[in-house]
Amino acid sequence: MSFFFFGVFILGVVLGGLVLLVILSLLAMAQKGDEALDQLELEMLQPKKHASPFKQKAKSENLGVPAISDFYHGGTT
């Protein structure tokens, strides 16, 4: 009976430790994700110093054929 109790106790400690480890690692990943998102927002709010002169909105010459950029923005329908 004491060996059974000892085995269950050790198994409980190991499983509890694993659960605690998973929870703490998920919290750490969530914190890193929030920090990365905040950094991305700050980068987006700052004006671009070296903006490319080639970045222009594509317009299709034939109005029946949508431009490539129209596909990314929902199209003209």
Protein backbone atom coordinates (compact mmCIF):
# COMPACT_ATOMS: atom_id res chain seq x y z
CA MET A 1 0.00 0.00 0.00
CA SER A 2 2.80 2.44 0.77
CA PHE A 3 4.54 1.77 -2.57
CA PHE A 4 1.28 2.48 -4.40
CA PHE A 5 0.80 5.72 -2.47
CA PHE A 6 4.42 6.73 -3.09
CA GLY A 7 4.07 6.03 -6.85
CA VAL A 8 0.85 8.03 -7.12
CA PHE A 9 2.44 10.90 -5.20
CA ILE A 10 5.51 10.98 -7.46
CA LEU A 11 3.32 10.76 -10.58
CA GLY A 12 1.19 13.65 -9.31
CA VAL A 13 4.24 15.79 -8.63
CA VAL A 14 5.66 15.10 -12.10
CA LEU A 15 2.37 15.78 -13.90
CA GLY A 16 1.76 18.90 -11.82
CA GLY A 17 5.21 20.17 -12.71
CA LEU A 18 4.60 19.56 -16.39
CA VAL A 19 1.28 21.40 -16.27
CA LEU A 20 2.94 24.32 -14.46
CA LEU A 21 5.74 24.35 -17.03
CA VAL A 22 3.27 24.43 -19.94
CA ILE A 23 1.28 27.27 -18.36
CA LEU A 24 4.39 29.36 -17.69
CA SER A 25 5.74 28.80 -21.20
CA LEU A 26 2.39 29.82 -22.72
CA LEU A 27 2.41 33.00 -20.63
CA ALA A 28 5.98 33.75 -21.76
CA MET A 29 5.06 33.26 -25.43
CA ALA A 30 2.01 35.50 -25.03
CA GLN A 31 4.15 38.22 -23.48
CA LYS A 32 6.69 38.00 -26.31
CA GLY A 33 3.87 38.17 -28.84
CA ASP A 34 2.49 41.30 -27.22
CA GLU A 35 5.92 42.91 -27.22
CA ALA A 36 6.40 42.05 -30.89
CA LEU A 37 2.97 43.47 -31.74
CA ASP A 38 3.75 46.68 -29.86
CA GLN A 39 7.07 46.98 -31.71
CA LEU A 40 5.32 46.44 -35.03
CA GLU A 41 2.77 49.15 -34.22
CA LEU A 42 5.55 51.57 -33.35
CA GLU A 43 7.35 50.82 -36.61
CA MET A 44 4.15 51.35 -38.59
CA LEU A 45 3.48 54.72 -36.93
CA GLN A 46 6.94 56.06 -37.72
CA PRO A 47 7.29 57.74 -41.12
CA LYS A 48 9.39 55.93 -43.68
CA LYS A 49 12.72 57.66 -44.28
CA HIS A 50 13.64 55.85 -47.46
CA ALA A 51 10.33 55.27 -49.21
CA SER A 52 10.68 53.71 -52.62
CA PRO A 53 9.56 55.96 -55.50
CA PHE A 54 8.39 52.83 -57.33
CA LYS A 55 5.66 52.04 -54.83
CA GLN A 56 2.58 53.40 -56.51
CA LYS A 57 -0.94 52.11 -56.61
CA ALA A 58 -1.39 49.98 -59.69
CA LYS A 59 -4.17 51.08 -62.00
CA SER A 60 -5.48 49.03 -64.84
CA GLU A 61 -5.68 50.71 -68.19
CA ASN A 62 -8.57 48.55 -69.32
CA LEU A 63 -11.47 49.08 -66.91
CA GLY A 64 -12.81 45.62 -67.68
CA VAL A 65 -9.64 43.98 -66.31
CA PRO A 66 -8.84 44.62 -62.64
CA ALA A 67 -5.30 45.42 -61.58
CA ILE A 68 -3.35 43.05 -59.34
CA SER A 69 -3.83 45.35 -56.36
CA ASP A 70 -7.62 45.16 -56.83
CA PHE A 71 -7.52 41.47 -55.99
CA TYR A 72 -5.91 42.19 -52.65
CA HIS A 73 -8.42 44.88 -51.71
CA GLY A 74 -11.63 43.05 -52.48
CA GLY A 75 -11.94 43.79 -56.17
CA THR A 76 -14.37 46.13 -57.92
CA THR A 77 -17.54 44.08 -57.54
